[in-house]
Amino acid sequence: MYSLEISLRYSPFPLSIQKKNYEDVKRIYDEIKGSMNGNNQNSNLIELTCDKVQDKSISVLAKEIISVQIYEKSAVAGGSKRPGFSLDI
């Protein structure tokens, strides 16, 4: 299972969805990146659905997204830190 997580401007909590296939989550990731770059002028609203929770749908304004990331959700969570952007010093 792959998770796609987006951070919104002025929001402390990220939004996330899960997809079974890497190709599906990568396609959405590329679409969001294109919208963030302004390459896709027709896409002001991005709609996301989740494979894990069937009734979960998210719609966000593309101009409010400030970051997006993909990570693989492993079945073993023992002692591993949460995926994200961090600096280990």
PDB file of N, CA and C in Angstrom:
ATOM      1  N   MET A   1       0.845  -1.168   0.000  1.00  0.00           N
ATOM      2  CA  MET A   1       0.000   0.000   0.000  1.00  0.00           C
ATOM      3  C   MET A   1       0.895   1.236   0.000  1.00  0.00           C
ATOM      4  N   TYR A   2       0.584   2.181  -0.861  1.00  0.00           N
ATOM      5  CA  TYR A   2       1.345   3.424  -0.973  1.00  0.00           C
ATOM      6  C   TYR A   2       0.493   4.590  -0.498  1.00  0.00           C
ATOM      7  N   SER A   3       1.111   5.492   0.243  1.00  0.00           N
ATOM      8  CA  SER A   3       0.408   6.669   0.741  1.00  0.00           C
ATOM      9  C   SER A   3       0.892   7.896  -0.003  1.00  0.00           C
ATOM     10  N   LEU A   4      -0.051   8.769  -0.313  1.00  0.00           N
ATOM     11  CA  LEU A   4       0.249  10.070  -0.878  1.00  0.00           C
ATOM     12  C   LEU A   4      -0.219  11.091   0.138  1.00  0.00           C
ATOM     13  N   GLU A   5       0.681  11.967   0.539  1.00  0.00           N
ATOM     14  CA  GLU A   5       0.389  12.935   1.583  1.00  0.00           C
ATOM     15  C   GLU A   5       0.623  14.335   1.032  1.00  0.00           C
ATOM     16  N   ILE A   6      -0.343  15.226   1.253  1.00  0.00           N
ATOM     17  CA  ILE A   6      -0.193  16.606   0.807  1.00  0.00           C
ATOM     18  C   ILE A   6      -0.329  17.547   1.999  1.00  0.00           C
ATOM     19  N   SER A   7       0.423  18.622   1.934  1.00  0.00           N
ATOM     20  CA  SER A   7       0.346  19.668   2.949  1.00  0.00           C
ATOM     21  C   SER A   7      -0.282  20.893   2.314  1.00  0.00           C
ATOM     22  N   LEU A   8      -1.196  21.502   3.054  1.00  0.00           N
ATOM     23  CA  LEU A   8      -1.894  22.687   2.558  1.00  0.00           C
ATOM     24  C   LEU A   8      -1.399  23.939   3.262  1.00  0.00           C
ATOM     25  N   ARG A   9      -1.452  25.036   2.557  1.00  0.00           N
ATOM     26  CA  ARG A   9      -1.081  26.340   3.099  1.00  0.00           C
ATOM     27  C   ARG A   9      -1.969  26.663   4.300  1.00  0.00           C
ATOM     28  N   TYR A  10      -1.367  27.120   5.367  1.00  0.00           N
ATOM     29  CA  TYR A  10      -2.047  27.524   6.600  1.00  0.00           C
ATOM     30  C   TYR A  10      -2.748  26.377   7.328  1.00  0.00           C
ATOM     31  N   SER A  11      -2.387  25.138   7.037  1.00  0.00           N
ATOM     32  CA  SER A  11      -2.980  23.992   7.714  1.00  0.00           C
ATOM     33  C   SER A  11      -1.874  23.164   8.366  1.00  0.00           C
ATOM     34  N   PRO A  12      -1.977  22.932   9.670  1.00  0.00           N
ATOM     35  CA  PRO A  12      -0.915  22.182  10.350  1.00  0.00           C
ATOM     36  C   PRO A  12      -0.979  20.671  10.114  1.00  0.00           C
ATOM     37  N   PHE A  13      -2.095  20.177   9.590  1.00  0.00           N
ATOM     38  CA  PHE A  13      -2.281  18.739   9.430  1.00  0.00           C
ATOM     39  C   PHE A  13      -2.284  18.355   7.955  1.00  0.00           C
ATOM     40  N   PRO A  14      -1.495  17.350   7.576  1.00  0.00           N
ATOM     41  CA  PRO A  14      -1.491  16.901   6.179  1.00  0.00           C
ATOM     42  C   PRO A  14      -2.726  16.058   5.863  1.00  0.00           C
ATOM     43  N   LEU A  15      -3.049  15.986   4.593  1.00  0.00           N
ATOM     44  CA  LEU A  15      -4.113  15.114   4.094  1.00  0.00           C
ATOM     45  C   LEU A  15      -3.443  13.942   3.399  1.00  0.00           C
ATOM     46  N   SER A  16      -4.018  12.743   3.538  1.00  0.00           N
ATOM     47  CA  SER A  16      -3.392  11.593   2.894  1.00  0.00           C
ATOM     48  C   SER A  16      -4.433  10.632   2.359  1.00  0.00           C
ATOM     49  N   ILE A  17      -4.021   9.924   1.316  1.00  0.00           N
ATOM     50  CA  ILE A  17      -4.815   8.837   0.756  1.00  0.00           C
ATOM     51  C   ILE A  17      -3.883   7.648   0.553  1.00  0.00           C
ATOM     52  N   GLN A  18      -4.474   6.475   0.392  1.00  0.00           N
ATOM     53  CA  GLN A  18      -3.700   5.259   0.143  1.00  0.00           C
ATOM     54  C   GLN A  18      -4.144   4.642  -1.183  1.00  0.00           C
ATOM     55  N   LYS A  19      -3.168   4.160  -1.929  1.00  0.00           N
ATOM     56  CA  LYS A  19      -3.422   3.464  -3.190  1.00  0.00           C
ATOM     57  C   LYS A  19      -2.670   2.143  -3.172  1.00  0.00           C
ATOM     58  N   LYS A  20      -3.240   1.140  -3.831  1.00  0.00           N
ATOM     59  CA  LYS A  20      -2.625  -0.184  -3.870  1.00  0.00           C
ATOM     60  C   LYS A  20      -1.439  -0.241  -4.832  1.00  0.00           C
ATOM     61  N   ASN A  21      -1.546   0.429  -5.961  1.00  0.00           N
ATOM     62  CA  ASN A  21      -0.517   0.352  -6.999  1.00  0.00           C
ATOM     63  C   ASN A  21       0.341   1.610  -7.025  1.00  0.00           C
ATOM     64  N   TYR A  22       1.637   1.425  -7.199  1.00  0.00           N
ATOM     65  CA  TYR A  22       2.563   2.550  -7.280  1.00  0.00           C
ATOM     66  C   TYR A  22       2.255   3.428  -8.499  1.00  0.00           C
ATOM     67  N   GLU A  23       1.860   2.819  -9.617  1.00  0.00           N
ATOM     68  CA  GLU A  23       1.573   3.579 -10.826  1.00  0.00           C
ATOM     69  C   GLU A  23       0.424   4.564 -10.600  1.00  0.00           C
ATOM     70  N   ASP A  24      -0.585   4.152  -9.842  1.00  0.00           N
ATOM     71  CA  ASP A  24      -1.725   5.033  -9.558  1.00  0.00           C
ATOM     72  C   ASP A  24      -1.303   6.231  -8.715  1.00  0.00           C
ATOM     73  N   VAL A  25      -0.538   5.965  -7.674  1.00  0.00           N
ATOM     74  CA  VAL A  25      -0.128   7.044  -6.783  1.00  0.00           C
ATOM     75  C   VAL A  25       0.892   7.959  -7.480  1.00  0.00           C
ATOM     76  N   LYS A  26       1.738   7.415  -8.335  1.00  0.00           N
ATOM     77  CA  LYS A  26       2.708   8.221  -9.076  1.00  0.00           C
ATOM     78  C   LYS A  26       2.002   9.126 -10.082  1.00  0.00           C
ATOM     79  N   ARG A  27       0.946   8.639 -10.726  1.00  0.00           N
ATOM     80  CA  ARG A  27       0.181   9.445 -11.674  1.00  0.00           C
ATOM     81  C   ARG A  27      -0.454  10.646 -10.973  1.00  0.00           C
ATOM     82  N   ILE A  28      -1.025  10.415  -9.781  1.00  0.00           N
ATOM     83  CA  ILE A  28      -1.633  11.502  -9.004  1.00  0.00           C
ATOM     84  C   ILE A  28      -0.557  12.484  -8.545  1.00  0.00           C
ATOM     85  N   TYR A  29       0.582  11.956  -8.100  1.00  0.00           N
ATOM     86  CA  TYR A  29       1.706  12.789  -7.675  1.00  0.00           C
ATOM     87  C   TYR A  29       2.152  13.712  -8.812  1.00  0.00           C
ATOM     88  N   ASP A  30       2.295  13.159 -10.015  1.00  0.00           N
ATOM     89  CA  ASP A  30       2.710  13.959 -11.166  1.00  0.00           C
ATOM     90  C   ASP A  30       1.662  15.008 -11.524  1.00  0.00           C
ATOM     91  N   GLU A  31       0.382  14.667 -11.409  1.00  0.00           N
ATOM     92  CA  GLU A  31      -0.699  15.614 -11.675  1.00  0.00           C
ATOM     93  C   GLU A  31      -0.646  16.786 -10.693  1.00  0.00           C
ATOM     94  N   ILE A  32      -0.421  16.480  -9.428  1.00  0.00           N
ATOM     95  CA  ILE A  32      -0.335  17.527  -8.414  1.00  0.00           C
ATOM     96  C   ILE A  32       0.885  18.408  -8.650  1.00  0.00           C
ATOM     97  N   LYS A  33       2.028  17.791  -8.974  1.00  0.00           N
ATOM     98  CA  LYS A  33       3.231  18.574  -9.272  1.00  0.00           C
ATOM     99  C   LYS A  33       3.006  19.508 -10.453  1.00  0.00           C
ATOM    100  N   GLY A  34       2.341  19.011 -11.472  1.00  0.00           N
ATOM    101  CA  GLY A  34       2.036  19.846 -12.633  1.00  0.00           C
ATOM    102  C   GLY A  34       1.145  21.015 -12.280  1.00  0.00           C
ATOM    103  N   SER A  35       0.181  20.775 -11.419  1.00  0.00           N
ATOM    104  CA  SER A  35      -0.711  21.847 -10.980  1.00  0.00           C
ATOM    105  C   SER A  35       0.031  22.867 -10.127  1.00  0.00           C
ATOM    106  N   MET A  36       0.965  22.396  -9.297  1.00  0.00           N
ATOM    107  CA  MET A  36       1.751  23.302  -8.462  1.00  0.00           C
ATOM    108  C   MET A  36       2.664  24.180  -9.319  1.00  0.00           C
ATOM    109  N   ASN A  37       3.163  23.637 -10.431  1.00  0.00           N
ATOM    110  CA  ASN A  37       4.021  24.396 -11.339  1.00  0.00           C
ATOM    111  C   ASN A  37       3.234  25.335 -12.233  1.00  0.00           C
ATOM    112  N   GLY A  38       1.920  25.160 -12.270  1.00  0.00           N
ATOM    113  CA  GLY A  38       1.093  25.994 -13.135  1.00  0.00           C
ATOM    114  C   GLY A  38       1.019  25.480 -14.555  1.00  0.00           C
ATOM    115  N   ASN A  39       1.469  24.226 -14.788  1.00  0.00           N
ATOM    116  CA  ASN A  39       1.439  23.657 -16.139  1.00  0.00           C
ATOM    117  C   ASN A  39       0.030  23.300 -16.593  1.00  0.00           C
ATOM    118  N   ASN A  40      -0.842  22.992 -15.654  1.00  0.00           N
ATOM    119  CA  ASN A  40      -2.187  22.549 -15.994  1.00  0.00           C
ATOM    120  C   ASN A  40      -3.184  23.626 -15.584  1.00  0.00           C
ATOM    121  N   GLN A  41      -3.518  24.529 -16.492  1.00  0.00           N
ATOM    122  CA  GLN A  41      -4.389  25.659 -16.180  1.00  0.00           C
ATOM    123  C   GLN A  41      -5.841  25.249 -15.962  1.00  0.00           C
ATOM    124  N   ASN A  42      -6.251  24.089 -16.465  1.00  0.00           N
ATOM    125  CA  ASN A  42      -7.639  23.647 -16.336  1.00  0.00           C
ATOM    126  C   ASN A  42      -7.937  23.015 -14.989  1.00  0.00           C
ATOM    127  N   SER A  43      -6.912  22.688 -14.228  1.00  0.00           N
ATOM    128  CA  SER A  43      -7.112  21.941 -12.999  1.00  0.00           C
ATOM    129  C   SER A  43      -6.929  22.833 -11.766  1.00  0.00           C
ATOM    130  N   ASN A  44      -7.995  23.537 -11.382  1.00  0.00           N
ATOM    131  CA  ASN A  44      -7.955  24.331 -10.164  1.00  0.00           C
ATOM    132  C   ASN A  44      -8.304  23.484  -8.952  1.00  0.00           C
ATOM    133  N   LEU A  45      -9.102  22.464  -9.171  1.00  0.00           N
ATOM    134  CA  LEU A  45      -9.559  21.581  -8.105  1.00  0.00           C
ATOM    135  C   LEU A  45      -9.036  20.175  -8.366  1.00  0.00           C
ATOM    136  N   ILE A  46      -8.411  19.588  -7.346  1.00  0.00           N
ATOM    137  CA  ILE A  46      -7.889  18.223  -7.469  1.00  0.00           C
ATOM    138  C   ILE A  46      -8.725  17.319  -6.584  1.00  0.00           C
ATOM    139  N   GLU A  47      -9.262  16.261  -7.170  1.00  0.00           N
ATOM    140  CA  GLU A  47     -10.081  15.298  -6.432  1.00  0.00           C
ATOM    141  C   GLU A  47      -9.291  14.020  -6.229  1.00  0.00           C
ATOM    142  N   LEU A  48      -9.257  13.546  -4.983  1.00  0.00           N
ATOM    143  CA  LEU A  48      -8.511  12.343  -4.622  1.00  0.00           C
ATOM    144  C   LEU A  48      -9.450  11.339  -3.974  1.00  0.00           C
ATOM    145  N   THR A  49      -9.254  10.062  -4.290  1.00  0.00           N
ATOM    146  CA  THR A  49     -10.003   8.989  -3.638  1.00  0.00           C
ATOM    147  C   THR A  49      -9.021   8.000  -3.040  1.00  0.00           C
ATOM    148  N   CYS A  50      -9.475   7.272  -2.047  1.00  0.00           N
ATOM    149  CA  CYS A  50      -8.623   6.356  -1.305  1.00  0.00           C
ATOM    150  C   CYS A  50      -9.026   4.912  -1.586  1.00  0.00           C
ATOM    151  N   ASP A  51      -8.036   4.035  -1.771  1.00  0.00           N
ATOM    152  CA  ASP A  51      -8.316   2.609  -1.962  1.00  0.00           C
ATOM    153  C   ASP A  51      -8.563   1.894  -0.637  1.00  0.00           C
ATOM    154  N   LYS A  52      -7.944   2.370   0.419  1.00  0.00           N
ATOM    155  CA  LYS A  52      -8.071   1.700   1.715  1.00  0.00           C
ATOM    156  C   LYS A  52      -9.435   1.961   2.352  1.00  0.00           C
ATOM    157  N   VAL A  53      -9.857   3.215   2.345  1.00  0.00           N
ATOM    158  CA  VAL A  53     -11.177   3.597   2.878  1.00  0.00           C
ATOM    159  C   VAL A  53     -12.022   3.988   1.669  1.00  0.00           C
ATOM    160  N   GLN A  54     -12.925   3.106   1.261  1.00  0.00           N
ATOM    161  CA  GLN A  54     -13.641   3.254   0.002  1.00  0.00           C
ATOM    162  C   GLN A  54     -14.459   4.535  -0.102  1.00  0.00           C
ATOM    163  N   ASP A  55     -15.019   5.027   0.974  1.00  0.00           N
ATOM    164  CA  ASP A  55     -15.870   6.211   0.935  1.00  0.00           C
ATOM    165  C   ASP A  55     -15.103   7.510   1.162  1.00  0.00           C
ATOM    166  N   LYS A  56     -13.790   7.448   1.233  1.00  0.00           N
ATOM    167  CA  LYS A  56     -12.988   8.640   1.498  1.00  0.00           C
ATOM    168  C   LYS A  56     -12.667   9.354   0.188  1.00  0.00           C
ATOM    169  N   SER A  57     -13.072  10.615   0.122  1.00  0.00           N
ATOM    170  CA  SER A  57     -12.774  11.468  -1.020  1.00  0.00           C
ATOM    171  C   SER A  57     -12.307  12.816  -0.501  1.00  0.00           C
ATOM    172  N   ILE A  58     -11.338  13.395  -1.184  1.00  0.00           N
ATOM    173  CA  ILE A  58     -10.780  14.688  -0.804  1.00  0.00           C
ATOM    174  C   ILE A  58     -10.729  15.555  -2.055  1.00  0.00           C
ATOM    175  N   SER A  59     -11.162  16.797  -1.941  1.00  0.00           N
ATOM    176  CA  SER A  59     -11.021  17.778  -3.010  1.00  0.00           C
ATOM    177  C   SER A  59     -10.285  18.980  -2.447  1.00  0.00           C
ATOM    178  N   VAL A  60      -9.243  19.409  -3.135  1.00  0.00           N
ATOM    179  CA  VAL A  60      -8.442  20.547  -2.677  1.00  0.00           C
ATOM    180  C   VAL A  60      -8.160  21.481  -3.851  1.00  0.00           C
ATOM    181  N   LEU A  61      -7.985  22.761  -3.532  1.00  0.00           N
ATOM    182  CA  LEU A  61      -7.557  23.728  -4.529  1.00  0.00           C
ATOM    183  C   LEU A  61      -6.065  23.549  -4.789  1.00  0.00           C
ATOM    184  N   ALA A  62      -5.691  23.413  -6.023  1.00  0.00           N
ATOM    185  CA  ALA A  62      -4.292  23.160  -6.375  1.00  0.00           C
ATOM    186  C   ALA A  62      -3.376  24.272  -5.888  1.00  0.00           C
ATOM    187  N   LYS A  63      -3.841  25.505  -5.895  1.00  0.00           N
ATOM    188  CA  LYS A  63      -2.978  26.619  -5.496  1.00  0.00           C
ATOM    189  C   LYS A  63      -2.696  26.645  -3.995  1.00  0.00           C
ATOM    190  N   GLU A  64      -3.425  25.848  -3.197  1.00  0.00           N
ATOM    191  CA  GLU A  64      -3.216  25.800  -1.753  1.00  0.00           C
ATOM    192  C   GLU A  64      -2.253  24.699  -1.323  1.00  0.00           C
ATOM    193  N   ILE A  65      -1.837  23.835  -2.249  1.00  0.00           N
ATOM    194  CA  ILE A  65      -0.912  22.741  -1.922  1.00  0.00           C
ATOM    195  C   ILE A  65       0.508  23.286  -1.890  1.00  0.00           C
ATOM    196  N   ILE A  66       1.218  23.005  -0.789  1.00  0.00           N
ATOM    197  CA  ILE A  66       2.601  23.474  -0.689  1.00  0.00           C
ATOM    198  C   ILE A  66       3.619  22.338  -0.747  1.00  0.00           C
ATOM    199  N   SER A  67       3.199  21.093  -0.471  1.00  0.00           N
ATOM    200  CA  SER A  67       4.112  19.960  -0.622  1.00  0.00           C
ATOM    201  C   SER A  67       3.320  18.690  -0.854  1.00  0.00           C
ATOM    202  N   VAL A  68       3.978  17.732  -1.485  1.00  0.00           N
ATOM    203  CA  VAL A  68       3.378  16.427  -1.751  1.00  0.00           C
ATOM    204  C   VAL A  68       4.479  15.380  -1.626  1.00  0.00           C
ATOM    205  N   GLN A  69       4.129  14.227  -1.069  1.00  0.00           N
ATOM    206  CA  GLN A  69       5.113  13.151  -0.944  1.00  0.00           C
ATOM    207  C   GLN A  69       4.422  11.799  -1.084  1.00  0.00           C
ATOM    208  N   ILE A  70       5.223  10.809  -1.509  1.00  0.00           N
ATOM    209  CA  ILE A  70       4.769   9.421  -1.616  1.00  0.00           C
ATOM    210  C   ILE A  70       5.652   8.592  -0.699  1.00  0.00           C
ATOM    211  N   TYR A  71       5.028   7.658   0.003  1.00  0.00           N
ATOM    212  CA  TYR A  71       5.813   6.691   0.755  1.00  0.00           C
ATOM    213  C   TYR A  71       5.064   5.373   0.822  1.00  0.00           C
ATOM    214  N   GLU A  72       5.840   4.293   0.957  1.00  0.00           N
ATOM    215  CA  GLU A  72       5.251   2.963   1.055  1.00  0.00           C
ATOM    216  C   GLU A  72       4.902   2.693   2.505  1.00  0.00           C
ATOM    217  N   LYS A  73       3.680   2.288   2.718  1.00  0.00           N
ATOM    218  CA  LYS A  73       3.214   1.986   4.061  1.00  0.00           C
ATOM    219  C   LYS A  73       3.526   0.521   4.332  1.00  0.00           C
ATOM    220  N   SER A  74       4.473   0.271   5.218  1.00  0.00           N
ATOM    221  CA  SER A  74       4.880  -1.102   5.498  1.00  0.00           C
ATOM    222  C   SER A  74       3.993  -1.705   6.574  1.00  0.00           C
ATOM    223  N   ALA A  75       3.901  -3.013   6.556  1.00  0.00           N
ATOM    224  CA  ALA A  75       3.088  -3.721   7.539  1.00  0.00           C
ATOM    225  C   ALA A  75       3.752  -3.736   8.905  1.00  0.00           C
ATOM    226  N   VAL A  76       5.071  -3.619   8.924  1.00  0.00           N
ATOM    227  CA  VAL A  76       5.811  -3.631  10.174  1.00  0.00           C
ATOM    228  C   VAL A  76       6.110  -2.188  10.563  1.00  0.00           C
ATOM    229  N   ALA A  77       5.551  -1.757  11.699  1.00  0.00           N
ATOM    230  CA  ALA A  77       5.750  -0.372  12.125  1.00  0.00           C
ATOM    231  C   ALA A  77       6.594  -0.306  13.394  1.00  0.00           C
ATOM    232  N   GLY A  78       7.248  -1.366  13.758  1.00  0.00           N
ATOM    233  CA  GLY A  78       7.987  -1.404  15.009  1.00  0.00           C
ATOM    234  C   GLY A  78       9.211  -0.519  15.012  1.00  0.00           C
ATOM    235  N   GLY A  79       9.137   0.570  15.761  1.00  0.00           N
ATOM    236  CA  GLY A  79      10.289   1.413  15.985  1.00  0.00           C
ATOM    237  C   GLY A  79      10.697   2.320  14.848  1.00  0.00           C
ATOM    238  N   SER A  80       9.982   2.300  13.742  1.00  0.00           N
ATOM    239  CA  SER A  80      10.368   3.178  12.645  1.00  0.00           C
ATOM    240  C   SER A  80       9.710   4.537  12.811  1.00  0.00           C
ATOM    241  N   LYS A  81      10.430   5.571  12.373  1.00  0.00           N
ATOM    242  CA  LYS A  81       9.852   6.903  12.493  1.00  0.00           C
ATOM    243  C   LYS A  81       8.919   7.165  11.327  1.00  0.00           C
ATOM    244  N   ARG A  82       8.052   8.118  11.503  1.00  0.00           N
ATOM    245  CA  ARG A  82       7.063   8.466  10.506  1.00  0.00           C
ATOM    246  C   ARG A  82       7.739   9.059   9.283  1.00  0.00           C
ATOM    247  N   PRO A  83       7.303   8.677   8.065  1.00  0.00           N
ATOM    248  CA  PRO A  83       7.886   9.241   6.858  1.00  0.00           C
ATOM    249  C   PRO A  83       7.619  10.737   6.801  1.00  0.00           C
ATOM    250  N   GLY A  84       8.504  11.442   6.155  1.00  0.00           N
ATOM    251  CA  GLY A  84       8.321  12.870   5.994  1.00  0.00           C
ATOM    252  C   GLY A  84       9.625  13.548   5.678  1.00  0.00           C
ATOM    253  N   PHE A  85       9.568  14.834   5.666  1.00  0.00           N
ATOM    254  CA  PHE A  85      10.742  15.637   5.373  1.00  0.00           C
ATOM    255  C   PHE A  85      11.393  15.990   6.699  1.00  0.00           C
ATOM    256  N   SER A  86      12.591  15.497   6.924  1.00  0.00           N
ATOM    257  CA  SER A  86      13.283  15.784   8.173  1.00  0.00           C
ATOM    258  C   SER A  86      14.778  15.863   7.913  1.00  0.00           C
ATOM    259  N   LEU A  87      15.480  16.456   8.844  1.00  0.00           N
ATOM    260  CA  LEU A  87      16.916  16.596   8.744  1.00  0.00           C
ATOM    261  C   LEU A  87      17.541  15.924   9.946  1.00  0.00           C
ATOM    262  N   ASP A  88      18.367  14.909   9.715  1.00  0.00           N
ATOM    263  CA  ASP A  88      19.056  14.226  10.807  1.00  0.00           C
ATOM    264  C   ASP A  88      20.436  14.838  10.965  1.00  0.00           C
ATOM    265  N   ILE A  89      20.681  15.422  12.108  1.00  0.00           N
ATOM    266  CA  ILE A  89      21.972  16.055  12.374  1.00  0.00           C
ATOM    267  C   ILE A  89      22.721  15.266  13.423  1.00  0.00           C
TER     268      ILE A  89
END
